Amino acid sequence: MVKIRLSRYGSKHNPHYRIVVADARRPRDGGYIENLGHYDPRKTSENFLVVNVESAREWLKKGAQPTLTAKRLLKASGVYNQ
């Protein structure tokens, strides 16, 4: 199964996350299929959430399942028209 999920990077006490498409069997920070964007939960800059909307919609059409957090971020970026 293919999932849209977060992959952590950044230093200790300074988390940053990549929004990635990955095989569910891969480790959290392991290899991924495609990078869809990034998220800074500390909101240290104006562009703390960047998502490639077109790619995300294509992966959702192909059947990729987002995790709960990824789904919340995708909704905030306008991937879902709700």
C-alpha atoms as a PDB file:
ATOM      1  CA  MET A   1       0.000   0.000   0.000  1.00  0.00           C
ATOM      2  CA  VAL A   2       1.210   3.483  -0.827  1.00  0.00           C
ATOM      3  CA  LYS A   3       0.834   6.167   1.848  1.00  0.00           C
ATOM      4  CA  ILE A   4       1.219   9.923   1.991  1.00  0.00           C
ATOM      5  CA  ARG A   5       2.953  10.630   5.288  1.00  0.00           C
ATOM      6  CA  LEU A   6       5.494  12.801   7.065  1.00  0.00           C
ATOM      7  CA  SER A   7       9.207  12.075   7.161  1.00  0.00           C
ATOM      8  CA  ARG A   8      11.182  13.870   9.853  1.00  0.00           C
ATOM      9  CA  TYR A   9      14.392  15.760   9.254  1.00  0.00           C
ATOM     10  CA  GLY A  10      16.048  18.695  10.994  1.00  0.00           C
ATOM     11  CA  SER A  11      18.148  18.843  14.123  1.00  0.00           C
ATOM     12  CA  LYS A  12      17.342  17.908  17.702  1.00  0.00           C
ATOM     13  CA  HIS A  13      14.493  20.049  19.149  1.00  0.00           C
ATOM     14  CA  ASN A  14      14.043  21.644  15.685  1.00  0.00           C
ATOM     15  CA  PRO A  15      11.747  19.318  13.736  1.00  0.00           C
ATOM     16  CA  HIS A  16      10.960  19.775  10.073  1.00  0.00           C
ATOM     17  CA  TYR A  17       8.967  17.308   8.029  1.00  0.00           C
ATOM     18  CA  ARG A  18       8.821  16.323   4.387  1.00  0.00           C
ATOM     19  CA  ILE A  19       5.429  15.310   3.038  1.00  0.00           C
ATOM     20  CA  VAL A  20       6.271  12.193   1.040  1.00  0.00           C
ATOM     21  CA  VAL A  21       4.663   9.346  -0.864  1.00  0.00           C
ATOM     22  CA  ALA A  22       6.130   6.079   0.408  1.00  0.00           C
ATOM     23  CA  ASP A  23       5.471   2.366   0.571  1.00  0.00           C
ATOM     24  CA  ALA A  24       3.848   1.585   3.932  1.00  0.00           C
ATOM     25  CA  ARG A  25       6.482  -1.086   4.626  1.00  0.00           C
ATOM     26  CA  ARG A  26       9.376   1.375   4.480  1.00  0.00           C
ATOM     27  CA  PRO A  27      10.732   3.009   7.674  1.00  0.00           C
ATOM     28  CA  ARG A  28       9.554   6.523   8.565  1.00  0.00           C
ATOM     29  CA  ASP A  29      12.751   8.228   7.402  1.00  0.00           C
ATOM     30  CA  GLY A  30      13.621   5.623   4.770  1.00  0.00           C
ATOM     31  CA  GLY A  31      13.368   5.894   1.023  1.00  0.00           C
ATOM     32  CA  TYR A  32      10.294   7.415  -0.554  1.00  0.00           C
ATOM     33  CA  ILE A  33       8.718   7.527  -3.990  1.00  0.00           C
ATOM     34  CA  GLU A  34       8.102  11.272  -4.292  1.00  0.00           C
ATOM     35  CA  ASN A  35       8.499  14.388  -2.171  1.00  0.00           C
ATOM     36  CA  LEU A  36       5.275  16.441  -2.188  1.00  0.00           C
ATOM     37  CA  GLY A  37       6.398  19.333   0.012  1.00  0.00           C
ATOM     38  CA  HIS A  38       7.508  20.287   3.497  1.00  0.00           C
ATOM     39  CA  TYR A  39       6.073  21.396   6.838  1.00  0.00           C
ATOM     40  CA  ASP A  40       7.613  23.373   9.710  1.00  0.00           C
ATOM     41  CA  PRO A  41       5.472  22.832  12.836  1.00  0.00           C
ATOM     42  CA  ARG A  42       7.223  25.678  14.686  1.00  0.00           C
ATOM     43  CA  LYS A  43       6.142  28.133  11.956  1.00  0.00           C
ATOM     44  CA  THR A  44       9.510  29.934  11.930  1.00  0.00           C
ATOM     45  CA  SER A  45       8.960  31.327   8.417  1.00  0.00           C
ATOM     46  CA  GLU A  46       6.098  32.564   6.277  1.00  0.00           C
ATOM     47  CA  ASN A  47       6.084  29.451   4.102  1.00  0.00           C
ATOM     48  CA  PHE A  48       5.874  26.866   6.876  1.00  0.00           C
ATOM     49  CA  LEU A  49       3.634  24.629   4.723  1.00  0.00           C
ATOM     50  CA  VAL A  50       4.429  24.014   1.061  1.00  0.00           C
ATOM     51  CA  VAL A  51       2.627  21.302  -0.919  1.00  0.00           C
ATOM     52  CA  ASN A  52       2.705  20.434  -4.613  1.00  0.00           C
ATOM     53  CA  VAL A  53      -1.094  20.329  -4.973  1.00  0.00           C
ATOM     54  CA  GLU A  54      -1.197  18.793  -8.458  1.00  0.00           C
ATOM     55  CA  SER A  55       1.089  15.900  -7.520  1.00  0.00           C
ATOM     56  CA  ALA A  56      -0.809  15.279  -4.286  1.00  0.00           C
ATOM     57  CA  ARG A  57      -4.124  15.091  -6.149  1.00  0.00           C
ATOM     58  CA  GLU A  58      -2.630  12.680  -8.692  1.00  0.00           C
ATOM     59  CA  TRP A  59      -1.380  10.376  -5.931  1.00  0.00           C
ATOM     60  CA  LEU A  60      -4.774  10.464  -4.208  1.00  0.00           C
ATOM     61  CA  LYS A  61      -6.437   9.521  -7.517  1.00  0.00           C
ATOM     62  CA  LYS A  62      -4.010   6.602  -7.821  1.00  0.00           C
ATOM     63  CA  GLY A  63      -5.137   5.341  -4.407  1.00  0.00           C
ATOM     64  CA  ALA A  64      -2.497   6.637  -1.999  1.00  0.00           C
ATOM     65  CA  GLN A  65      -3.818   6.757   1.575  1.00  0.00           C
ATOM     66  CA  PRO A  66      -2.810   9.812   3.662  1.00  0.00           C
ATOM     67  CA  THR A  67      -2.153   9.488   7.380  1.00  0.00           C
ATOM     68  CA  LEU A  68      -4.321  11.616   9.687  1.00  0.00           C
ATOM     69  CA  THR A  69      -1.698  14.355  10.047  1.00  0.00           C
ATOM     70  CA  ALA A  70      -0.900  14.356   6.340  1.00  0.00           C
ATOM     71  CA  LYS A  71      -4.610  14.592   5.527  1.00  0.00           C
ATOM     72  CA  ARG A  72      -4.978  17.606   7.842  1.00  0.00           C
ATOM     73  CA  LEU A  73      -2.045  19.341   6.136  1.00  0.00           C
ATOM     74  CA  LEU A  74      -3.339  18.511   2.666  1.00  0.00           C
ATOM     75  CA  LYS A  75      -6.728  20.004   3.558  1.00  0.00           C
ATOM     76  CA  ALA A  76      -5.016  23.169   4.824  1.00  0.00           C
ATOM     77  CA  SER A  77      -3.125  23.529   1.559  1.00  0.00           C
ATOM     78  CA  GLY A  78      -6.240  23.115  -0.593  1.00  0.00           C
ATOM     79  CA  VAL A  79      -5.769  19.619  -2.004  1.00  0.00           C
ATOM     80  CA  TYR A  80      -9.253  18.631  -0.901  1.00  0.00           C
ATOM     81  CA  ASN A  81     -12.041  20.868  -2.158  1.00  0.00           C
ATOM     82  CA  GLN A  82     -14.127  20.754   1.015  1.00  0.00           C
END
